[in-house]
PDB file of N, CA and C in Angstrom:
ATOM      1  N   UNK A   1     -12.962   2.626 -10.403  1.00  0.00           N
ATOM      2  CA  UNK A   1     -12.052   2.035  -9.468  1.00  0.00           C
ATOM      3  C   UNK A   1     -11.229   0.937 -10.119  1.00  0.00           C
ATOM      4  N   UNK A   2      -9.990   0.875  -9.855  1.00  0.00           N
ATOM      5  CA  UNK A   2      -9.090  -0.215 -10.431  1.00  0.00           C
ATOM      6  C   UNK A   2      -9.416  -1.476  -9.597  1.00  0.00           C
ATOM      7  N   UNK A   3      -9.666  -2.554 -10.272  1.00  0.00           N
ATOM      8  CA  UNK A   3      -9.919  -3.781  -9.631  1.00  0.00           C
ATOM      9  C   UNK A   3      -8.627  -4.422  -9.106  1.00  0.00           C
ATOM     10  N   UNK A   4      -8.717  -4.927  -7.918  1.00  0.00           N
ATOM     11  CA  UNK A   4      -7.434  -5.612  -7.402  1.00  0.00           C
ATOM     12  C   UNK A   4      -7.128  -6.800  -8.235  1.00  0.00           C
ATOM     13  N   UNK A   5      -5.926  -7.279  -8.121  1.00  0.00           N
ATOM     14  CA  UNK A   5      -5.498  -8.511  -8.803  1.00  0.00           C
ATOM     15  C   UNK A   5      -6.265  -9.707  -8.222  1.00  0.00           C
ATOM     16  N   UNK A   6      -6.530 -10.737  -9.038  1.00  0.00           N
ATOM     17  CA  UNK A   6      -7.116 -11.994  -8.482  1.00  0.00           C
ATOM     18  C   UNK A   6      -6.211 -12.452  -7.338  1.00  0.00           C
ATOM     19  N   UNK A   7      -6.792 -13.007  -6.332  1.00  0.00           N
ATOM     20  CA  UNK A   7      -6.038 -13.441  -5.142  1.00  0.00           C
ATOM     21  C   UNK A   7      -4.928 -14.408  -5.472  1.00  0.00           C
ATOM     22  N   UNK A   8      -5.209 -15.356  -6.337  1.00  0.00           N
ATOM     23  CA  UNK A   8      -4.077 -16.335  -6.637  1.00  0.00           C
ATOM     24  C   UNK A   8      -2.903 -15.669  -7.298  1.00  0.00           C
ATOM     25  N   UNK A   9      -3.198 -14.772  -8.162  1.00  0.00           N
ATOM     26  CA  UNK A   9      -2.112 -14.002  -8.881  1.00  0.00           C
ATOM     27  C   UNK A   9      -1.374 -13.081  -7.872  1.00  0.00           C
ATOM     28  N   UNK A  10      -2.083 -12.381  -7.050  1.00  0.00           N
ATOM     29  CA  UNK A  10      -1.450 -11.530  -6.039  1.00  0.00           C
ATOM     30  C   UNK A  10      -0.561 -12.363  -5.086  1.00  0.00           C
ATOM     31  N   UNK A  11      -1.066 -13.522  -4.699  1.00  0.00           N
ATOM     32  CA  UNK A  11      -0.273 -14.392  -3.831  1.00  0.00           C
ATOM     33  C   UNK A  11       1.016 -14.848  -4.462  1.00  0.00           C
ATOM     34  N   UNK A  12       0.859 -15.230  -5.724  1.00  0.00           N
ATOM     35  CA  UNK A  12       2.067 -15.729  -6.495  1.00  0.00           C
ATOM     36  C   UNK A  12       3.143 -14.625  -6.600  1.00  0.00           C
ATOM     37  N   UNK A  13       2.713 -13.408  -6.911  1.00  0.00           N
ATOM     38  CA  UNK A  13       3.597 -12.325  -7.042  1.00  0.00           C
ATOM     39  C   UNK A  13       4.235 -11.937  -5.632  1.00  0.00           C
ATOM     40  N   UNK A  14       3.423 -11.955  -4.642  1.00  0.00           N
ATOM     41  CA  UNK A  14       3.886 -11.657  -3.300  1.00  0.00           C
ATOM     42  C   UNK A  14       4.933 -12.711  -2.879  1.00  0.00           C
ATOM     43  N   UNK A  15       4.706 -13.954  -3.172  1.00  0.00           N
ATOM     44  CA  UNK A  15       5.639 -14.974  -2.811  1.00  0.00           C
ATOM     45  C   UNK A  15       7.011 -14.734  -3.563  1.00  0.00           C
ATOM     46  N   UNK A  16       6.951 -14.301  -4.808  1.00  0.00           N
ATOM     47  CA  UNK A  16       8.154 -14.024  -5.575  1.00  0.00           C
ATOM     48  C   UNK A  16       8.847 -12.774  -4.986  1.00  0.00           C
ATOM     49  N   UNK A  17       8.137 -11.762  -4.534  1.00  0.00           N
ATOM     50  CA  UNK A  17       8.762 -10.581  -4.037  1.00  0.00           C
ATOM     51  C   UNK A  17       9.400 -10.858  -2.682  1.00  0.00           C
ATOM     52  N   UNK A  18       8.824 -11.732  -1.875  1.00  0.00           N
ATOM     53  CA  UNK A  18       9.337 -12.078  -0.601  1.00  0.00           C
ATOM     54  C   UNK A  18      10.607 -12.845  -0.676  1.00  0.00           C
ATOM     55  N   UNK A  19      10.783 -13.591  -1.835  1.00  0.00           N
ATOM     56  CA  UNK A  19      11.952 -14.406  -1.957  1.00  0.00           C
ATOM     57  C   UNK A  19      13.119 -13.717  -2.712  1.00  0.00           C
ATOM     58  N   UNK A  20      12.896 -12.511  -3.208  1.00  0.00           N
ATOM     59  CA  UNK A  20      13.933 -11.829  -3.882  1.00  0.00           C
ATOM     60  C   UNK A  20      14.798 -10.991  -2.894  1.00  0.00           C
ATOM     61  N   UNK A  21      16.037 -10.809  -3.333  1.00  0.00           N
ATOM     62  CA  UNK A  21      16.985 -10.004  -2.524  1.00  0.00           C
ATOM     63  C   UNK A  21      17.003  -8.607  -3.040  1.00  0.00           C
ATOM     64  N   UNK A  22      16.280  -8.309  -4.123  1.00  0.00           N
ATOM     65  CA  UNK A  22      16.237  -6.978  -4.684  1.00  0.00           C
ATOM     66  C   UNK A  22      15.265  -6.134  -3.885  1.00  0.00           C
ATOM     67  N   UNK A  23      15.434  -4.862  -4.060  1.00  0.00           N
ATOM     68  CA  UNK A  23      14.565  -3.844  -3.353  1.00  0.00           C
ATOM     69  C   UNK A  23      13.158  -4.016  -3.935  1.00  0.00           C
ATOM     70  N   UNK A  24      12.140  -3.977  -3.072  1.00  0.00           N
ATOM     71  CA  UNK A  24      10.773  -3.993  -3.478  1.00  0.00           C
ATOM     72  C   UNK A  24      10.090  -2.759  -2.907  1.00  0.00           C
ATOM     73  N   UNK A  25       9.449  -2.005  -3.763  1.00  0.00           N
ATOM     74  CA  UNK A  25       8.755  -0.807  -3.310  1.00  0.00           C
ATOM     75  C   UNK A  25       7.638  -1.175  -2.313  1.00  0.00           C
ATOM     76  N   UNK A  26       7.558  -0.439  -1.187  1.00  0.00           N
ATOM     77  CA  UNK A  26       6.480  -0.650  -0.248  1.00  0.00           C
ATOM     78  C   UNK A  26       5.126  -0.434  -0.901  1.00  0.00           C
ATOM     79  N   UNK A  27       5.021   0.450  -1.864  1.00  0.00           N
ATOM     80  CA  UNK A  27       3.703   0.707  -2.482  1.00  0.00           C
ATOM     81  C   UNK A  27       3.296  -0.555  -3.277  1.00  0.00           C
ATOM     82  N   UNK A  28       4.244  -1.209  -3.932  1.00  0.00           N
ATOM     83  CA  UNK A  28       3.883  -2.467  -4.593  1.00  0.00           C
ATOM     84  C   UNK A  28       3.437  -3.541  -3.637  1.00  0.00           C
ATOM     85  N   UNK A  29       4.073  -3.597  -2.497  1.00  0.00           N
ATOM     86  CA  UNK A  29       3.620  -4.564  -1.445  1.00  0.00           C
ATOM     87  C   UNK A  29       2.195  -4.188  -0.939  1.00  0.00           C
ATOM     88  N   UNK A  30       1.972  -2.949  -0.784  1.00  0.00           N
ATOM     89  CA  UNK A  30       0.633  -2.498  -0.305  1.00  0.00           C
ATOM     90  C   UNK A  30      -0.437  -2.890  -1.298  1.00  0.00           C
ATOM     91  N   UNK A  31      -0.157  -2.724  -2.564  1.00  0.00           N
ATOM     92  CA  UNK A  31      -1.180  -3.101  -3.621  1.00  0.00           C
ATOM     93  C   UNK A  31      -1.428  -4.599  -3.588  1.00  0.00           C
ATOM     94  N   UNK A  32      -0.418  -5.408  -3.371  1.00  0.00           N
ATOM     95  CA  UNK A  32      -0.578  -6.826  -3.296  1.00  0.00           C
ATOM     96  C   UNK A  32      -1.384  -7.204  -2.104  1.00  0.00           C
ATOM     97  N   UNK A  33      -0.999  -6.695  -0.953  1.00  0.00           N
ATOM     98  CA  UNK A  33      -1.772  -7.013   0.282  1.00  0.00           C
ATOM     99  C   UNK A  33      -3.251  -6.592   0.211  1.00  0.00           C
ATOM    100  N   UNK A  34      -3.455  -5.444  -0.425  1.00  0.00           N
ATOM    101  CA  UNK A  34      -4.895  -5.028  -0.578  1.00  0.00           C
ATOM    102  C   UNK A  34      -5.605  -5.958  -1.572  1.00  0.00           C
ATOM    103  N   UNK A  35      -4.915  -6.456  -2.565  1.00  0.00           N
ATOM    104  CA  UNK A  35      -5.532  -7.433  -3.433  1.00  0.00           C
ATOM    105  C   UNK A  35      -5.904  -8.703  -2.714  1.00  0.00           C
ATOM    106  N   UNK A  36      -5.161  -8.983  -1.658  1.00  0.00           N
ATOM    107  CA  UNK A  36      -5.422 -10.192  -0.815  1.00  0.00           C
ATOM    108  C   UNK A  36      -6.373  -9.921   0.237  1.00  0.00           C
ATOM    109  N   UNK A  37      -6.771  -8.648   0.413  1.00  0.00           N
ATOM    110  CA  UNK A  37      -7.722  -8.282   1.494  1.00  0.00           C
ATOM    111  C   UNK A  37      -7.061  -8.149   2.828  1.00  0.00           C
ATOM    112  N   UNK A  38      -5.750  -7.996   2.878  1.00  0.00           N
ATOM    113  CA  UNK A  38      -5.078  -7.929   4.180  1.00  0.00           C
ATOM    114  C   UNK A  38      -4.693  -6.501   4.456  1.00  0.00           C
ATOM    115  N   UNK A  39      -5.646  -5.775   5.074  1.00  0.00           N
ATOM    116  CA  UNK A  39      -5.495  -4.367   5.404  1.00  0.00           C
ATOM    117  C   UNK A  39      -4.411  -4.120   6.494  1.00  0.00           C
ATOM    118  N   UNK A  40      -4.272  -5.028   7.367  1.00  0.00           N
ATOM    119  CA  UNK A  40      -3.223  -4.835   8.476  1.00  0.00           C
ATOM    120  C   UNK A  40      -1.837  -4.844   7.870  1.00  0.00           C
ATOM    121  N   UNK A  41      -1.584  -5.778   6.939  1.00  0.00           N
ATOM    122  CA  UNK A  41      -0.240  -5.762   6.298  1.00  0.00           C
ATOM    123  C   UNK A  41      -0.079  -4.565   5.422  1.00  0.00           C
ATOM    124  N   UNK A  42      -1.140  -4.139   4.782  1.00  0.00           N
ATOM    125  CA  UNK A  42      -1.094  -2.922   3.958  1.00  0.00           C
ATOM    126  C   UNK A  42      -0.660  -1.724   4.826  1.00  0.00           C
ATOM    127  N   UNK A  43      -1.257  -1.650   5.976  1.00  0.00           N
ATOM    128  CA  UNK A  43      -0.905  -0.491   6.874  1.00  0.00           C
ATOM    129  C   UNK A  43       0.524  -0.644   7.395  1.00  0.00           C
ATOM    130  N   UNK A  44       1.005  -1.827   7.623  1.00  0.00           N
ATOM    131  CA  UNK A  44       2.416  -1.969   8.040  1.00  0.00           C
ATOM    132  C   UNK A  44       3.352  -1.471   6.961  1.00  0.00           C
ATOM    133  N   UNK A  45       2.969  -1.841   5.690  1.00  0.00           N
ATOM    134  CA  UNK A  45       3.801  -1.335   4.560  1.00  0.00           C
ATOM    135  C   UNK A  45       3.630   0.157   4.296  1.00  0.00           C
ATOM    136  N   UNK A  46       2.433   0.675   4.613  1.00  0.00           N
ATOM    137  CA  UNK A  46       2.304   2.131   4.473  1.00  0.00           C
ATOM    138  C   UNK A  46       3.251   2.817   5.432  1.00  0.00           C
ATOM    139  N   UNK A  47       3.319   2.303   6.629  1.00  0.00           N
ATOM    140  CA  UNK A  47       4.271   2.936   7.642  1.00  0.00           C
ATOM    141  C   UNK A  47       5.703   2.799   7.172  1.00  0.00           C
ATOM    142  N   UNK A  48       6.028   1.674   6.557  1.00  0.00           N
ATOM    143  CA  UNK A  48       7.417   1.512   5.993  1.00  0.00           C
ATOM    144  C   UNK A  48       7.659   2.542   4.897  1.00  0.00           C
ATOM    145  N   UNK A  49       6.655   2.707   4.006  1.00  0.00           N
ATOM    146  CA  UNK A  49       6.771   3.669   2.962  1.00  0.00           C
ATOM    147  C   UNK A  49       6.999   5.059   3.569  1.00  0.00           C
ATOM    148  N   UNK A  50       6.250   5.376   4.583  1.00  0.00           N
ATOM    149  CA  UNK A  50       6.464   6.688   5.263  1.00  0.00           C
ATOM    150  C   UNK A  50       7.858   6.827   5.805  1.00  0.00           C
ATOM    151  N   UNK A  51       8.324   5.808   6.505  1.00  0.00           N
ATOM    152  CA  UNK A  51       9.666   5.871   7.098  1.00  0.00           C
ATOM    153  C   UNK A  51      10.715   6.002   6.069  1.00  0.00           C
ATOM    154  N   UNK A  52      10.507   5.427   4.852  1.00  0.00           N
ATOM    155  CA  UNK A  52      11.494   5.492   3.761  1.00  0.00           C
ATOM    156  C   UNK A  52      11.332   6.762   3.018  1.00  0.00           C
ATOM    157  N   UNK A  53      10.271   7.553   3.306  1.00  0.00           N
ATOM    158  CA  UNK A  53       9.979   8.751   2.592  1.00  0.00           C
ATOM    159  C   UNK A  53       9.747   8.484   1.087  1.00  0.00           C
ATOM    160  N   UNK A  54       8.991   7.368   0.837  1.00  0.00           N
ATOM    161  CA  UNK A  54       8.737   6.972  -0.516  1.00  0.00           C
ATOM    162  C   UNK A  54       8.000   8.063  -1.276  1.00  0.00           C
ATOM    163  N   UNK A  55       8.520   8.450  -2.402  1.00  0.00           N
ATOM    164  CA  UNK A  55       7.956   9.560  -3.217  1.00  0.00           C
ATOM    165  C   UNK A  55       6.545   9.202  -3.736  1.00  0.00           C
ATOM    166  N   UNK A  56       6.185   7.917  -3.801  1.00  0.00           N
ATOM    167  CA  UNK A  56       4.845   7.554  -4.286  1.00  0.00           C
ATOM    168  C   UNK A  56       3.766   7.883  -3.268  1.00  0.00           C
ATOM    169  N   UNK A  57       4.124   8.203  -2.022  1.00  0.00           N
ATOM    170  CA  UNK A  57       3.070   8.542  -1.020  1.00  0.00           C
ATOM    171  C   UNK A  57       2.408   9.859  -1.474  1.00  0.00           C
ATOM    172  N   UNK A  58       2.996  10.659  -2.321  1.00  0.00           N
ATOM    173  CA  UNK A  58       2.374  11.839  -2.857  1.00  0.00           C
ATOM    174  C   UNK A  58       1.070  11.568  -3.590  1.00  0.00           C
ATOM    175  N   UNK A  59       0.890  10.317  -3.960  1.00  0.00           N
ATOM    176  CA  UNK A  59      -0.287   9.953  -4.773  1.00  0.00           C
ATOM    177  C   UNK A  59      -1.385   9.245  -3.901  1.00  0.00           C
ATOM    178  N   UNK A  60      -1.198   9.187  -2.612  1.00  0.00           N
ATOM    179  CA  UNK A  60      -2.159   8.531  -1.726  1.00  0.00           C
ATOM    180  C   UNK A  60      -3.564   8.992  -1.951  1.00  0.00           C
ATOM    181  N   UNK A  61      -3.799  10.258  -2.115  1.00  0.00           N
ATOM    182  CA  UNK A  61      -5.149  10.810  -2.254  1.00  0.00           C
ATOM    183  C   UNK A  61      -5.798  10.372  -3.568  1.00  0.00           C
ATOM    184  N   UNK A  62      -5.104  10.041  -4.544  1.00  0.00           N
ATOM    185  CA  UNK A  62      -5.676   9.689  -5.842  1.00  0.00           C
ATOM    186  C   UNK A  62      -5.414   8.231  -6.297  1.00  0.00           C
ATOM    187  N   UNK A  63      -4.636   7.473  -5.562  1.00  0.00           N
ATOM    188  CA  UNK A  63      -4.347   6.057  -5.875  1.00  0.00           C
ATOM    189  C   UNK A  63      -5.628   5.292  -5.655  1.00  0.00           C
ATOM    190  N   UNK A  64      -6.234   4.711  -6.694  1.00  0.00           N
ATOM    191  CA  UNK A  64      -7.486   3.981  -6.504  1.00  0.00           C
ATOM    192  C   UNK A  64      -7.315   2.742  -5.682  1.00  0.00           C
ATOM    193  N   UNK A  65      -6.132   2.147  -5.623  1.00  0.00           N
ATOM    194  CA  UNK A  65      -5.992   0.981  -4.767  1.00  0.00           C
ATOM    195  C   UNK A  65      -6.235   1.310  -3.292  1.00  0.00           C
ATOM    196  N   UNK A  66      -6.045   2.557  -2.908  1.00  0.00           N
ATOM    197  CA  UNK A  66      -6.190   2.962  -1.483  1.00  0.00           C
ATOM    198  C   UNK A  66      -7.662   3.255  -1.109  1.00  0.00           C
ATOM    199  N   UNK A  67      -8.573   3.133  -2.084  1.00  0.00           N
ATOM    200  CA  UNK A  67      -9.968   3.410  -1.753  1.00  0.00           C
ATOM    201  C   UNK A  67     -10.476   2.682  -0.522  1.00  0.00           C
ATOM    202  N   UNK A  68     -10.097   1.458  -0.344  1.00  0.00           N
ATOM    203  CA  UNK A  68     -10.636   0.608   0.783  1.00  0.00           C
ATOM    204  C   UNK A  68     -10.077   1.068   2.149  1.00  0.00           C
ATOM    205  N   UNK A  69      -9.071   1.958   2.092  1.00  0.00           N
ATOM    206  CA  UNK A  69      -8.426   2.388   3.313  1.00  0.00           C
ATOM    207  C   UNK A  69      -8.858   3.786   3.718  1.00  0.00           C
ATOM    208  N   UNK A  70      -9.452   4.522   2.833  1.00  0.00           N
ATOM    209  CA  UNK A  70      -9.673   5.945   3.032  1.00  0.00           C
ATOM    210  C   UNK A  70     -10.444   6.241   4.284  1.00  0.00           C
ATOM    211  N   UNK A  71     -11.423   5.403   4.733  1.00  0.00           N
ATOM    212  CA  UNK A  71     -12.249   5.697   5.897  1.00  0.00           C
ATOM    213  C   UNK A  71     -11.551   5.338   7.198  1.00  0.00           C
ATOM    214  N   UNK A  72     -10.389   4.677   7.114  1.00  0.00           N
ATOM    215  CA  UNK A  72      -9.701   4.256   8.324  1.00  0.00           C
ATOM    216  C   UNK A  72      -8.937   5.500   8.920  1.00  0.00           C
ATOM    217  N   UNK A  73      -9.068   5.673  10.195  1.00  0.00           N
ATOM    218  CA  UNK A  73      -8.371   6.797  10.867  1.00  0.00           C
ATOM    219  C   UNK A  73      -6.857   6.750  10.685  1.00  0.00           C
ATOM    220  N   UNK A  74      -6.280   5.552  10.579  1.00  0.00           N
ATOM    221  CA  UNK A  74      -4.831   5.385  10.336  1.00  0.00           C
ATOM    222  C   UNK A  74      -4.469   6.024   9.019  1.00  0.00           C
ATOM    223  N   UNK A  75      -5.306   5.832   8.028  1.00  0.00           N
ATOM    224  CA  UNK A  75      -5.015   6.340   6.701  1.00  0.00           C
ATOM    225  C   UNK A  75      -5.144   7.913   6.718  1.00  0.00           C
ATOM    226  N   UNK A  76      -6.146   8.396   7.402  1.00  0.00           N
ATOM    227  CA  UNK A  76      -6.332   9.847   7.538  1.00  0.00           C
ATOM    228  C   UNK A  76      -5.084  10.436   8.301  1.00  0.00           C
ATOM    229  N   UNK A  77      -4.568   9.747   9.285  1.00  0.00           N
ATOM    230  CA  UNK A  77      -3.431  10.215   9.991  1.00  0.00           C
ATOM    231  C   UNK A  77      -2.211  10.254   9.091  1.00  0.00           C
ATOM    232  N   UNK A  78      -2.121   9.218   8.242  1.00  0.00           N
ATOM    233  CA  UNK A  78      -0.939   9.201   7.326  1.00  0.00           C
ATOM    234  C   UNK A  78      -0.953  10.346   6.325  1.00  0.00           C
ATOM    235  N   UNK A  79      -2.207  10.591   5.845  1.00  0.00           N
ATOM    236  CA  UNK A  79      -2.302  11.755   4.921  1.00  0.00           C
ATOM    237  C   UNK A  79      -1.896  13.041   5.575  1.00  0.00           C
ATOM    238  N   UNK A  80      -2.211  13.185   6.852  1.00  0.00           N
ATOM    239  CA  UNK A  80      -1.855  14.394   7.564  1.00  0.00           C
ATOM    240  C   UNK A  80      -0.317  14.437   7.721  1.00  0.00           C
ATOM    241  N   UNK A  81       0.287  13.311   8.140  1.00  0.00           N
ATOM    242  CA  UNK A  81       1.734  13.279   8.324  1.00  0.00           C
ATOM    243  C   UNK A  81       2.518  13.544   7.084  1.00  0.00           C
ATOM    244  N   UNK A  82       1.948  13.084   5.912  1.00  0.00           N
ATOM    245  CA  UNK A  82       2.612  13.268   4.597  1.00  0.00           C
ATOM    246  C   UNK A  82       2.438  14.673   4.145  1.00  0.00           C
ATOM    247  N   UNK A  83       1.413  15.379   4.724  1.00  0.00           N
ATOM    248  CA  UNK A  83       1.144  16.760   4.283  1.00  0.00           C
ATOM    249  C   UNK A  83       0.135  16.924   3.217  1.00  0.00           C
ATOM    250  N   UNK A  84      -0.721  15.878   3.127  1.00  0.00           N
ATOM    251  CA  UNK A  84      -1.731  15.896   2.041  1.00  0.00           C
ATOM    252  C   UNK A  84      -3.100  16.388   2.553  1.00  0.00           C
ATOM    253  N   UNK A  85      -3.151  16.777   3.813  1.00  0.00           N
ATOM    254  CA  UNK A  85      -4.406  17.320   4.326  1.00  0.00           C
ATOM    255  C   UNK A  85      -4.065  18.530   5.134  1.00  0.00           C
ATOM    256  N   UNK A  86      -4.974  19.534   5.233  1.00  0.00           N
ATOM    257  CA  UNK A  86      -4.669  20.719   5.972  1.00  0.00           C
ATOM    258  C   UNK A  86      -4.548  20.515   7.473  1.00  0.00           C
TER     259      UNK A  86
END
């Protein structure tokens, strides 16, 4: 399993991303929020990624950062909506 970023580093990067006017990938935001242990924000950004039809959602089943979300029914629902489960 890939280890999340240290919390202080994740927070620093998140603060930078929030202050930029450039596009930030929802998947990058999810990884940061998961590093901070904020599952609710991670799910909000997962929904945003879904709404944007982010191509990286195709890797949800194998992205090790998502391991902590796999047992959540919301994650299972997202996999279904993306077409990654029967």
